[in-house]
């Protein structure tokens, strides 16, 4: 595998790294985040470039009435929203961007039970 720039990179608290074992993820690197809170990880993802033949609903899932399980964030390097939308281990997600240039982003993630 080459050392190309990742398609997405974000910080997230310690979690099950199998969240990134997906057919459309060619490579996932999960490492401790330098200088961040204890247990925080830096996740870098490289996506496969093949077309996805599956049809996906455009309706965002309803957010459950409970706190989110994980929160991912970064400045830049955001995965496309469809990444969260079609993730098979997520029940719901919310993505926010900062008000100025939109480069800072946060994704609140609810895992399926």
Foldseek 3Di string as FASTA:
>chain_A
DDPDAFLAKWKKAADDVCLQVDPFWPDKDWDCDPPDPPRIIIIGTHTDPDDDPDDADPDFADDDPDFFDMKIKDQARHHPPVVLRPRPQFRHKDKDADDPPRRIMMMGTHGDD
